[in-house]
Amino acid sequence: MVERRWVDNVEYYEYEPATIEYNPLFNAFTVARADVYSPDRRHRVMLVVVVAEAEVSGARLTGEEVIGRGRSLLARLVAEQQRSIEHLVTSSWEVYSITGMRLH
């Protein structure tokens, strides 16, 4: 089970190598996630970072390395979302590859 922690209006999912989840929609593994909530917590933007098996095996990355890269990207994405979160009027989700390309 993935541990969760709150920092202000952001709920982070603390993935570890044993808790990485397969995402069949993208044929990839979720390695980082954060839900950024509006100030009144009525709406949120779910930010998800995934990695395909080919990306991991091609670069010969360990689970810890992939998670570390995912968390670094996630930190940038959260910072971007927080700049406009006060204007959020509906919930949504965004999925990014480990290289930062938006997939959804």
PDB file of N, CA and C in Angstrom:
ATOM      1  N   MET A   1       0.841  -1.181   0.000  1.00  0.00           N
ATOM      2  CA  MET A   1       0.000   0.000   0.000  1.00  0.00           C
ATOM      3  C   MET A   1       0.888   1.247   0.000  1.00  0.00           C
ATOM      4  N   VAL A   2       0.498   2.216  -0.782  1.00  0.00           N
ATOM      5  CA  VAL A   2       1.271   3.447  -0.916  1.00  0.00           C
ATOM      6  C   VAL A   2       0.956   4.383   0.252  1.00  0.00           C
ATOM      7  N   GLU A   3       2.002   4.832   0.918  1.00  0.00           N
ATOM      8  CA  GLU A   3       1.835   5.813   1.994  1.00  0.00           C
ATOM      9  C   GLU A   3       1.502   7.167   1.386  1.00  0.00           C
ATOM     10  N   ARG A   4       0.777   7.967   2.132  1.00  0.00           N
ATOM     11  CA  ARG A   4       0.422   9.310   1.679  1.00  0.00           C
ATOM     12  C   ARG A   4       0.827  10.320   2.746  1.00  0.00           C
ATOM     13  N   ARG A   5       1.156  11.525   2.283  1.00  0.00           N
ATOM     14  CA  ARG A   5       1.458  12.596   3.234  1.00  0.00           C
ATOM     15  C   ARG A   5       0.942  13.910   2.664  1.00  0.00           C
ATOM     16  N   TRP A   6       0.581  14.796   3.563  1.00  0.00           N
ATOM     17  CA  TRP A   6       0.064  16.109   3.178  1.00  0.00           C
ATOM     18  C   TRP A   6       1.104  17.187   3.437  1.00  0.00           C
ATOM     19  N   VAL A   7       1.235  18.098   2.488  1.00  0.00           N
ATOM     20  CA  VAL A   7       2.018  19.314   2.657  1.00  0.00           C
ATOM     21  C   VAL A   7       1.130  20.438   2.138  1.00  0.00           C
ATOM     22  N   ASP A   8       0.629  21.249   3.061  1.00  0.00           N
ATOM     23  CA  ASP A   8      -0.307  22.322   2.715  1.00  0.00           C
ATOM     24  C   ASP A   8      -1.506  21.744   1.961  1.00  0.00           C
ATOM     25  N   ASN A   9      -1.717  22.166   0.715  1.00  0.00           N
ATOM     26  CA  ASN A   9      -2.878  21.701  -0.044  1.00  0.00           C
ATOM     27  C   ASN A   9      -2.535  20.565  -1.019  1.00  0.00           C
ATOM     28  N   VAL A  10      -1.420  19.884  -0.788  1.00  0.00           N
ATOM     29  CA  VAL A  10      -0.974  18.825  -1.693  1.00  0.00           C
ATOM     30  C   VAL A  10      -0.894  17.498  -0.945  1.00  0.00           C
ATOM     31  N   GLU A  11      -1.529  16.477  -1.524  1.00  0.00           N
ATOM     32  CA  GLU A  11      -1.432  15.121  -0.988  1.00  0.00           C
ATOM     33  C   GLU A  11      -0.459  14.344  -1.878  1.00  0.00           C
ATOM     34  N   TYR A  12       0.667  13.935  -1.304  1.00  0.00           N
ATOM     35  CA  TYR A  12       1.687  13.192  -2.036  1.00  0.00           C
ATOM     36  C   TYR A  12       1.525  11.698  -1.786  1.00  0.00           C
ATOM     37  N   TYR A  13       1.731  10.923  -2.823  1.00  0.00           N
ATOM     38  CA  TYR A  13       1.741   9.465  -2.731  1.00  0.00           C
ATOM     39  C   TYR A  13       3.206   9.047  -2.734  1.00  0.00           C
ATOM     40  N   GLU A  14       3.628   8.384  -1.675  1.00  0.00           N
ATOM     41  CA  GLU A  14       5.041   8.041  -1.488  1.00  0.00           C
ATOM     42  C   GLU A  14       5.335   6.639  -2.024  1.00  0.00           C
ATOM     43  N   TYR A  15       5.553   6.541  -3.324  1.00  0.00           N
ATOM     44  CA  TYR A  15       5.844   5.243  -3.934  1.00  0.00           C
ATOM     45  C   TYR A  15       7.238   4.768  -3.552  1.00  0.00           C
ATOM     46  N   GLU A  16       7.348   3.464  -3.380  1.00  0.00           N
ATOM     47  CA  GLU A  16       8.610   2.772  -3.145  1.00  0.00           C
ATOM     48  C   GLU A  16       8.698   1.678  -4.208  1.00  0.00           C
ATOM     49  N   PRO A  17       9.861   1.077  -4.419  1.00  0.00           N
ATOM     50  CA  PRO A  17       9.952   0.028  -5.443  1.00  0.00           C
ATOM     51  C   PRO A  17       8.904  -1.084  -5.278  1.00  0.00           C
ATOM     52  N   ALA A  18       8.550  -1.409  -4.054  1.00  0.00           N
ATOM     53  CA  ALA A  18       7.571  -2.480  -3.819  1.00  0.00           C
ATOM     54  C   ALA A  18       6.127  -2.031  -4.017  1.00  0.00           C
ATOM     55  N   THR A  19       5.884  -0.721  -4.140  1.00  0.00           N
ATOM     56  CA  THR A  19       4.505  -0.238  -4.258  1.00  0.00           C
ATOM     57  C   THR A  19       4.206   0.429  -5.599  1.00  0.00           C
ATOM     58  N   ILE A  20       5.153   0.382  -6.528  1.00  0.00           N
ATOM     59  CA  ILE A  20       4.908   0.927  -7.867  1.00  0.00           C
ATOM     60  C   ILE A  20       3.701   0.207  -8.456  1.00  0.00           C
ATOM     61  N   GLU A  21       2.797   0.970  -9.081  1.00  0.00           N
ATOM     62  CA  GLU A  21       1.550   0.399  -9.594  1.00  0.00           C
ATOM     63  C   GLU A  21       1.525   0.400 -11.119  1.00  0.00           C
ATOM     64  N   TYR A  22       1.017  -0.693 -11.683  1.00  0.00           N
ATOM     65  CA  TYR A  22       0.850  -0.775 -13.137  1.00  0.00           C
ATOM     66  C   TYR A  22      -0.382   0.014 -13.549  1.00  0.00           C
ATOM     67  N   ASN A  23      -0.236   0.830 -14.586  1.00  0.00           N
ATOM     68  CA  ASN A  23      -1.339   1.628 -15.116  1.00  0.00           C
ATOM     69  C   ASN A  23      -1.660   1.105 -16.518  1.00  0.00           C
ATOM     70  N   PRO A  24      -2.720   0.284 -16.647  1.00  0.00           N
ATOM     71  CA  PRO A  24      -3.013  -0.321 -17.948  1.00  0.00           C
ATOM     72  C   PRO A  24      -3.411   0.682 -19.031  1.00  0.00           C
ATOM     73  N   LEU A  25      -3.937   1.842 -18.656  1.00  0.00           N
ATOM     74  CA  LEU A  25      -4.316   2.842 -19.661  1.00  0.00           C
ATOM     75  C   LEU A  25      -3.117   3.322 -20.477  1.00  0.00           C
ATOM     76  N   PHE A  26      -1.953   3.342 -19.837  1.00  0.00           N
ATOM     77  CA  PHE A  26      -0.749   3.842 -20.494  1.00  0.00           C
ATOM     78  C   PHE A  26       0.316   2.761 -20.676  1.00  0.00           C
ATOM     79  N   ASN A  27      -0.020   1.527 -20.293  1.00  0.00           N
ATOM     80  CA  ASN A  27       0.929   0.423 -20.370  1.00  0.00           C
ATOM     81  C   ASN A  27       2.259   0.834 -19.735  1.00  0.00           C
ATOM     82  N   ALA A  28       2.154   1.384 -18.539  1.00  0.00           N
ATOM     83  CA  ALA A  28       3.323   1.912 -17.833  1.00  0.00           C
ATOM     84  C   ALA A  28       3.087   1.795 -16.328  1.00  0.00           C
ATOM     85  N   PHE A  29       4.105   2.111 -15.571  1.00  0.00           N
ATOM     86  CA  PHE A  29       4.032   2.019 -14.117  1.00  0.00           C
ATOM     87  C   PHE A  29       3.998   3.411 -13.496  1.00  0.00           C
ATOM     88  N   THR A  30       3.103   3.605 -12.542  1.00  0.00           N
ATOM     89  CA  THR A  30       3.026   4.873 -11.821  1.00  0.00           C
ATOM     90  C   THR A  30       4.143   4.908 -10.791  1.00  0.00           C
ATOM     91  N   VAL A  31       4.980   5.948 -10.858  1.00  0.00           N
ATOM     92  CA  VAL A  31       6.107   6.062  -9.935  1.00  0.00           C
ATOM     93  C   VAL A  31       6.032   7.307  -9.063  1.00  0.00           C
ATOM     94  N   ALA A  32       5.124   8.233  -9.399  1.00  0.00           N
ATOM     95  CA  ALA A  32       4.964   9.449  -8.590  1.00  0.00           C
ATOM     96  C   ALA A  32       3.558   9.993  -8.812  1.00  0.00           C
ATOM     97  N   ARG A  33       2.994  10.527  -7.724  1.00  0.00           N
ATOM     98  CA  ARG A  33       1.660  11.132  -7.838  1.00  0.00           C
ATOM     99  C   ARG A  33       1.480  12.160  -6.736  1.00  0.00           C
ATOM    100  N   ALA A  34       0.772  13.214  -7.091  1.00  0.00           N
ATOM    101  CA  ALA A  34       0.375  14.223  -6.108  1.00  0.00           C
ATOM    102  C   ALA A  34      -0.974  14.773  -6.534  1.00  0.00           C
ATOM    103  N   ASP A  35      -1.833  15.002  -5.566  1.00  0.00           N
ATOM    104  CA  ASP A  35      -3.125  15.634  -5.805  1.00  0.00           C
ATOM    105  C   ASP A  35      -3.053  17.038  -5.227  1.00  0.00           C
ATOM    106  N   VAL A  36      -3.192  18.040  -6.086  1.00  0.00           N
ATOM    107  CA  VAL A  36      -3.120  19.441  -5.672  1.00  0.00           C
ATOM    108  C   VAL A  36      -4.549  19.957  -5.554  1.00  0.00           C
ATOM    109  N   TYR A  37      -4.929  20.367  -4.346  1.00  0.00           N
ATOM    110  CA  TYR A  37      -6.299  20.788  -4.068  1.00  0.00           C
ATOM    111  C   TYR A  37      -6.443  22.304  -4.109  1.00  0.00           C
ATOM    112  N   SER A  38      -7.629  22.727  -4.522  1.00  0.00           N
ATOM    113  CA  SER A  38      -7.966  24.150  -4.474  1.00  0.00           C
ATOM    114  C   SER A  38      -8.035  24.570  -3.007  1.00  0.00           C
ATOM    115  N   PRO A  39      -7.971  25.864  -2.718  1.00  0.00           N
ATOM    116  CA  PRO A  39      -7.990  26.322  -1.321  1.00  0.00           C
ATOM    117  C   PRO A  39      -9.198  25.813  -0.522  1.00  0.00           C
ATOM    118  N   ASP A  40     -10.359  25.695  -1.160  1.00  0.00           N
ATOM    119  CA  ASP A  40     -11.540  25.192  -0.452  1.00  0.00           C
ATOM    120  C   ASP A  40     -11.654  23.667  -0.516  1.00  0.00           C
ATOM    121  N   ARG A  41     -10.706  23.016  -1.160  1.00  0.00           N
ATOM    122  CA  ARG A  41     -10.631  21.557  -1.327  1.00  0.00           C
ATOM    123  C   ARG A  41     -11.831  20.964  -2.065  1.00  0.00           C
ATOM    124  N   ARG A  42     -12.516  21.776  -2.839  1.00  0.00           N
ATOM    125  CA  ARG A  42     -13.634  21.270  -3.639  1.00  0.00           C
ATOM    126  C   ARG A  42     -13.143  20.610  -4.920  1.00  0.00           C
ATOM    127  N   HIS A  43     -12.007  21.061  -5.417  1.00  0.00           N
ATOM    128  CA  HIS A  43     -11.477  20.549  -6.681  1.00  0.00           C
ATOM    129  C   HIS A  43     -10.001  20.203  -6.512  1.00  0.00           C
ATOM    130  N   ARG A  44      -9.527  19.349  -7.413  1.00  0.00           N
ATOM    131  CA  ARG A  44      -8.112  18.969  -7.361  1.00  0.00           C
ATOM    132  C   ARG A  44      -7.607  18.662  -8.757  1.00  0.00           C
ATOM    133  N   VAL A  45      -6.302  18.750  -8.898  1.00  0.00           N
ATOM    134  CA  VAL A  45      -5.613  18.303 -10.100  1.00  0.00           C
ATOM    135  C   VAL A  45      -4.735  17.141  -9.668  1.00  0.00           C
ATOM    136  N   MET A  46      -4.981  15.984 -10.244  1.00  0.00           N
ATOM    137  CA  MET A  46      -4.168  14.806  -9.960  1.00  0.00           C
ATOM    138  C   MET A  46      -3.019  14.777 -10.960  1.00  0.00           C
ATOM    139  N   LEU A  47      -1.814  14.805 -10.456  1.00  0.00           N
ATOM    140  CA  LEU A  47      -0.610  14.764 -11.288  1.00  0.00           C
ATOM    141  C   LEU A  47       0.024  13.390 -11.137  1.00  0.00           C
ATOM    142  N   VAL A  48       0.215  12.698 -12.238  1.00  0.00           N
ATOM    143  CA  VAL A  48       0.739  11.334 -12.219  1.00  0.00           C
ATOM    144  C   VAL A  48       1.940  11.249 -13.150  1.00  0.00           C
ATOM    145  N   VAL A  49       3.004  10.605 -12.670  1.00  0.00           N
ATOM    146  CA  VAL A  49       4.195  10.367 -13.491  1.00  0.00           C
ATOM    147  C   VAL A  49       4.321   8.862 -13.685  1.00  0.00           C
ATOM    148  N   VAL A  50       4.415   8.449 -14.957  1.00  0.00           N
ATOM    149  CA  VAL A  50       4.525   7.027 -15.273  1.00  0.00           C
ATOM    150  C   VAL A  50       5.818   6.757 -16.029  1.00  0.00           C
ATOM    151  N   VAL A  51       6.224   5.496 -15.998  1.00  0.00           N
ATOM    152  CA  VAL A  51       7.409   5.073 -16.739  1.00  0.00           C
ATOM    153  C   VAL A  51       7.094   3.740 -17.408  1.00  0.00           C
ATOM    154  N   ALA A  52       7.456   3.629 -18.682  1.00  0.00           N
ATOM    155  CA  ALA A  52       7.283   2.379 -19.417  1.00  0.00           C
ATOM    156  C   ALA A  52       8.442   1.446 -19.097  1.00  0.00           C
ATOM    157  N   GLU A  53       8.179   0.165 -19.177  1.00  0.00           N
ATOM    158  CA  GLU A  53       9.216  -0.820 -18.880  1.00  0.00           C
ATOM    159  C   GLU A  53      10.436  -0.635 -19.780  1.00  0.00           C
ATOM    160  N   ALA A  54      10.219  -0.304 -21.037  1.00  0.00           N
ATOM    161  CA  ALA A  54      11.339  -0.109 -21.971  1.00  0.00           C
ATOM    162  C   ALA A  54      12.243   1.041 -21.532  1.00  0.00           C
ATOM    163  N   GLU A  55      11.650   2.092 -20.946  1.00  0.00           N
ATOM    164  CA  GLU A  55      12.453   3.230 -20.477  1.00  0.00           C
ATOM    165  C   GLU A  55      13.353   2.824 -19.318  1.00  0.00           C
ATOM    166  N   VAL A  56      12.852   1.952 -18.474  1.00  0.00           N
ATOM    167  CA  VAL A  56      13.622   1.505 -17.310  1.00  0.00           C
ATOM    168  C   VAL A  56      14.726   0.547 -17.735  1.00  0.00           C
ATOM    169  N   SER A  57      14.368  -0.456 -18.527  1.00  0.00           N
ATOM    170  CA  SER A  57      15.361  -1.459 -18.910  1.00  0.00           C
ATOM    171  C   SER A  57      16.396  -0.889 -19.877  1.00  0.00           C
ATOM    172  N   GLY A  58      15.978   0.008 -20.774  1.00  0.00           N
ATOM    173  CA  GLY A  58      16.921   0.610 -21.719  1.00  0.00           C
ATOM    174  C   GLY A  58      17.976   1.446 -21.031  1.00  0.00           C
ATOM    175  N   ALA A  59      17.575   2.171 -20.005  1.00  0.00           N
ATOM    176  CA  ALA A  59      18.514   3.025 -19.272  1.00  0.00           C
ATOM    177  C   ALA A  59      19.138   2.300 -18.087  1.00  0.00           C
ATOM    178  N   ARG A  60      18.683   1.076 -17.843  1.00  0.00           N
ATOM    179  CA  ARG A  60      19.173   0.263 -16.718  1.00  0.00           C
ATOM    180  C   ARG A  60      19.052   0.999 -15.388  1.00  0.00           C
ATOM    181  N   LEU A  61      17.871   1.507 -15.149  1.00  0.00           N
ATOM    182  CA  LEU A  61      17.610   2.247 -13.916  1.00  0.00           C
ATOM    183  C   LEU A  61      17.046   1.324 -12.847  1.00  0.00           C
ATOM    184  N   THR A  62      17.406   1.578 -11.607  1.00  0.00           N
ATOM    185  CA  THR A  62      16.822   0.838 -10.494  1.00  0.00           C
ATOM    186  C   THR A  62      15.479   1.466 -10.131  1.00  0.00           C
ATOM    187  N   GLY A  63      14.710   0.749  -9.330  1.00  0.00           N
ATOM    188  CA  GLY A  63      13.436   1.296  -8.867  1.00  0.00           C
ATOM    189  C   GLY A  63      13.613   2.606  -8.130  1.00  0.00           C
ATOM    190  N   GLU A  64      14.635   2.692  -7.289  1.00  0.00           N
ATOM    191  CA  GLU A  64      14.897   3.922  -6.541  1.00  0.00           C
ATOM    192  C   GLU A  64      15.231   5.086  -7.469  1.00  0.00           C
ATOM    193  N   GLU A  65      16.016   4.815  -8.513  1.00  0.00           N
ATOM    194  CA  GLU A  65      16.380   5.872  -9.461  1.00  0.00           C
ATOM    195  C   GLU A  65      15.162   6.382 -10.228  1.00  0.00           C
ATOM    196  N   VAL A  66      14.312   5.466 -10.654  1.00  0.00           N
ATOM    197  CA  VAL A  66      13.106   5.854 -11.390  1.00  0.00           C
ATOM    198  C   VAL A  66      12.191   6.682 -10.499  1.00  0.00           C
ATOM    199  N   ILE A  67      12.004   6.241  -9.270  1.00  0.00           N
ATOM    200  CA  ILE A  67      11.158   6.982  -8.329  1.00  0.00           C
ATOM    201  C   ILE A  67      11.760   8.359  -8.057  1.00  0.00           C
ATOM    202  N   GLY A  68      13.063   8.433  -7.894  1.00  0.00           N
ATOM    203  CA  GLY A  68      13.722   9.726  -7.678  1.00  0.00           C
ATOM    204  C   GLY A  68      13.504  10.683  -8.834  1.00  0.00           C
ATOM    205  N   ARG A  69      13.626  10.190 -10.054  1.00  0.00           N
ATOM    206  CA  ARG A  69      13.376  11.033 -11.230  1.00  0.00           C
ATOM    207  C   ARG A  69      11.910  11.456 -11.293  1.00  0.00           C
ATOM    208  N   GLY A  70      11.028  10.515 -10.969  1.00  0.00           N
ATOM    209  CA  GLY A  70       9.600  10.842 -10.959  1.00  0.00           C
ATOM    210  C   GLY A  70       9.269  11.911  -9.937  1.00  0.00           C
ATOM    211  N   ARG A  71       9.866  11.818  -8.765  1.00  0.00           N
ATOM    212  CA  ARG A  71       9.617  12.820  -7.716  1.00  0.00           C
ATOM    213  C   ARG A  71      10.162  14.191  -8.110  1.00  0.00           C
ATOM    214  N   SER A  72      11.305  14.217  -8.771  1.00  0.00           N
ATOM    215  CA  SER A  72      11.863  15.503  -9.219  1.00  0.00           C
ATOM    216  C   SER A  72      10.937  16.173 -10.225  1.00  0.00           C
ATOM    217  N   LEU A  73      10.459  15.400 -11.185  1.00  0.00           N
ATOM    218  CA  LEU A  73       9.513  15.938 -12.165  1.00  0.00           C
ATOM    219  C   LEU A  73       8.231  16.374 -11.468  1.00  0.00           C
ATOM    220  N   LEU A  74       7.744  15.560 -10.554  1.00  0.00           N
ATOM    221  CA  LEU A  74       6.511  15.875  -9.835  1.00  0.00           C
ATOM    222  C   LEU A  74       6.637  17.187  -9.064  1.00  0.00           C
ATOM    223  N   ALA A  75       7.779  17.439  -8.459  1.00  0.00           N
ATOM    224  CA  ALA A  75       7.985  18.693  -7.720  1.00  0.00           C
ATOM    225  C   ALA A  75       7.813  19.895  -8.642  1.00  0.00           C
ATOM    226  N   ARG A  76       8.344  19.809  -9.851  1.00  0.00           N
ATOM    227  CA  ARG A  76       8.178  20.903 -10.820  1.00  0.00           C
ATOM    228  C   ARG A  76       6.720  21.059 -11.237  1.00  0.00           C
ATOM    229  N   LEU A  77       6.043  19.941 -11.466  1.00  0.00           N
ATOM    230  CA  LEU A  77       4.635  19.988 -11.875  1.00  0.00           C
ATOM    231  C   LEU A  77       3.754  20.570 -10.779  1.00  0.00           C
ATOM    232  N   VAL A  78       4.011  20.189  -9.532  1.00  0.00           N
ATOM    233  CA  VAL A  78       3.240  20.725  -8.402  1.00  0.00           C
ATOM    234  C   VAL A  78       3.444  22.232  -8.308  1.00  0.00           C
ATOM    235  N   ALA A  79       4.685  22.686  -8.430  1.00  0.00           N
ATOM    236  CA  ALA A  79       4.968  24.127  -8.361  1.00  0.00           C
ATOM    237  C   ALA A  79       4.213  24.881  -9.451  1.00  0.00           C
ATOM    238  N   GLU A  80       4.165  24.327 -10.648  1.00  0.00           N
ATOM    239  CA  GLU A  80       3.421  24.963 -11.744  1.00  0.00           C
ATOM    240  C   GLU A  80       1.930  25.036 -11.424  1.00  0.00           C
ATOM    241  N   GLN A  81       1.375  23.965 -10.896  1.00  0.00           N
ATOM    242  CA  GLN A  81      -0.059  23.934 -10.577  1.00  0.00           C
ATOM    243  C   GLN A  81      -0.408  24.916  -9.473  1.00  0.00           C
ATOM    244  N   GLN A  82       0.457  25.045  -8.489  1.00  0.00           N
ATOM    245  CA  GLN A  82       0.145  25.913  -7.354  1.00  0.00           C
ATOM    246  C   GLN A  82       0.056  27.379  -7.749  1.00  0.00           C
ATOM    247  N   ARG A  83       0.686  27.757  -8.847  1.00  0.00           N
ATOM    248  CA  ARG A  83       0.601  29.146  -9.299  1.00  0.00           C
ATOM    249  C   ARG A  83      -0.803  29.522  -9.764  1.00  0.00           C
ATOM    250  N   SER A  84      -1.584  28.541 -10.223  1.00  0.00           N
ATOM    251  CA  SER A  84      -2.921  28.847 -10.741  1.00  0.00           C
ATOM    252  C   SER A  84      -4.038  28.102 -10.019  1.00  0.00           C
ATOM    253  N   ILE A  85      -3.739  27.460  -8.908  1.00  0.00           N
ATOM    254  CA  ILE A  85      -4.715  26.606  -8.231  1.00  0.00           C
ATOM    255  C   ILE A  85      -5.913  27.389  -7.692  1.00  0.00           C
ATOM    256  N   GLU A  86      -5.751  28.653  -7.387  1.00  0.00           N
ATOM    257  CA  GLU A  86      -6.864  29.445  -6.852  1.00  0.00           C
ATOM    258  C   GLU A  86      -7.978  29.625  -7.865  1.00  0.00           C
ATOM    259  N   HIS A  87      -7.677  29.431  -9.138  1.00  0.00           N
ATOM    260  CA  HIS A  87      -8.667  29.616 -10.202  1.00  0.00           C
ATOM    261  C   HIS A  87      -9.273  28.294 -10.670  1.00  0.00           C
ATOM    262  N   LEU A  88      -8.982  27.210  -9.967  1.00  0.00           N
ATOM    263  CA  LEU A  88      -9.475  25.891 -10.360  1.00  0.00           C
ATOM    264  C   LEU A  88     -10.980  25.797 -10.126  1.00  0.00           C
ATOM    265  N   VAL A  89     -11.726  25.400 -11.161  1.00  0.00           N
ATOM    266  CA  VAL A  89     -13.187  25.308 -11.045  1.00  0.00           C
ATOM    267  C   VAL A  89     -13.702  23.898 -11.302  1.00  0.00           C
ATOM    268  N   THR A  90     -12.815  22.977 -11.640  1.00  0.00           N
ATOM    269  CA  THR A  90     -13.201  21.587 -11.851  1.00  0.00           C
ATOM    270  C   THR A  90     -11.998  20.695 -11.575  1.00  0.00           C
ATOM    271  N   SER A  91     -12.258  19.460 -11.231  1.00  0.00           N
ATOM    272  CA  SER A  91     -11.167  18.516 -10.996  1.00  0.00           C
ATOM    273  C   SER A  91     -10.688  17.942 -12.327  1.00  0.00           C
ATOM    274  N   SER A  92      -9.411  17.591 -12.363  1.00  0.00           N
ATOM    275  CA  SER A  92      -8.847  17.014 -13.584  1.00  0.00           C
ATOM    276  C   SER A  92      -7.642  16.158 -13.222  1.00  0.00           C
ATOM    277  N   TRP A  93      -7.121  15.471 -14.219  1.00  0.00           N
ATOM    278  CA  TRP A  93      -5.894  14.711 -14.000  1.00  0.00           C
ATOM    279  C   TRP A  93      -4.991  14.849 -15.203  1.00  0.00           C
ATOM    280  N   GLU A  94      -3.704  14.815 -14.922  1.00  0.00           N
ATOM    281  CA  GLU A  94      -2.679  14.947 -15.947  1.00  0.00           C
ATOM    282  C   GLU A  94      -1.666  13.833 -15.740  1.00  0.00           C
ATOM    283  N   VAL A  95      -1.279  13.200 -16.835  1.00  0.00           N
ATOM    284  CA  VAL A  95      -0.307  12.112 -16.774  1.00  0.00           C
ATOM    285  C   VAL A  95       0.901  12.499 -17.615  1.00  0.00           C
ATOM    286  N   TYR A  96       2.080  12.291 -17.051  1.00  0.00           N
ATOM    287  CA  TYR A  96       3.339  12.632 -17.712  1.00  0.00           C
ATOM    288  C   TYR A  96       4.251  11.415 -17.748  1.00  0.00           C
ATOM    289  N   SER A  97       5.050  11.329 -18.802  1.00  0.00           N
ATOM    290  CA  SER A  97       6.086  10.300 -18.854  1.00  0.00           C
ATOM    291  C   SER A  97       7.234  10.747 -17.958  1.00  0.00           C
ATOM    292  N   ILE A  98       8.123   9.846 -17.679  1.00  0.00           N
ATOM    293  CA  ILE A  98       9.273  10.147 -16.825  1.00  0.00           C
ATOM    294  C   ILE A  98      10.172  11.213 -17.461  1.00  0.00           C
ATOM    295  N   THR A  99      10.039  11.409 -18.764  1.00  0.00           N
ATOM    296  CA  THR A  99      10.823  12.430 -19.461  1.00  0.00           C
ATOM    297  C   THR A  99      10.134  13.789 -19.469  1.00  0.00           C
ATOM    298  N   GLY A 100       8.926  13.860 -18.904  1.00  0.00           N
ATOM    299  CA  GLY A 100       8.214  15.128 -18.816  1.00  0.00           C
ATOM    300  C   GLY A 100       7.205  15.375 -19.917  1.00  0.00           C
ATOM    301  N   MET A 101       7.040  14.431 -20.831  1.00  0.00           N
ATOM    302  CA  MET A 101       6.068  14.597 -21.907  1.00  0.00           C
ATOM    303  C   MET A 101       4.658  14.323 -21.373  1.00  0.00           C
ATOM    304  N   ARG A 102       3.737  15.234 -21.658  1.00  0.00           N
ATOM    305  CA  ARG A 102       2.360  15.044 -21.198  1.00  0.00           C
ATOM    306  C   ARG A 102       1.680  13.989 -22.064  1.00  0.00           C
ATOM    307  N   LEU A 103       1.111  12.975 -21.399  1.00  0.00           N
ATOM    308  CA  LEU A 103       0.444  11.880 -22.094  1.00  0.00           C
ATOM    309  C   LEU A 103      -1.073  12.028 -22.067  1.00  0.00           C
ATOM    310  N   HIS A 104      -1.573  12.701 -21.059  1.00  0.00           N
ATOM    311  CA  HIS A 104      -3.025  12.928 -20.925  1.00  0.00           C
ATOM    312  C   HIS A 104      -3.255  14.202 -20.147  1.00  0.00           C
TER     313      HIS A 104
END
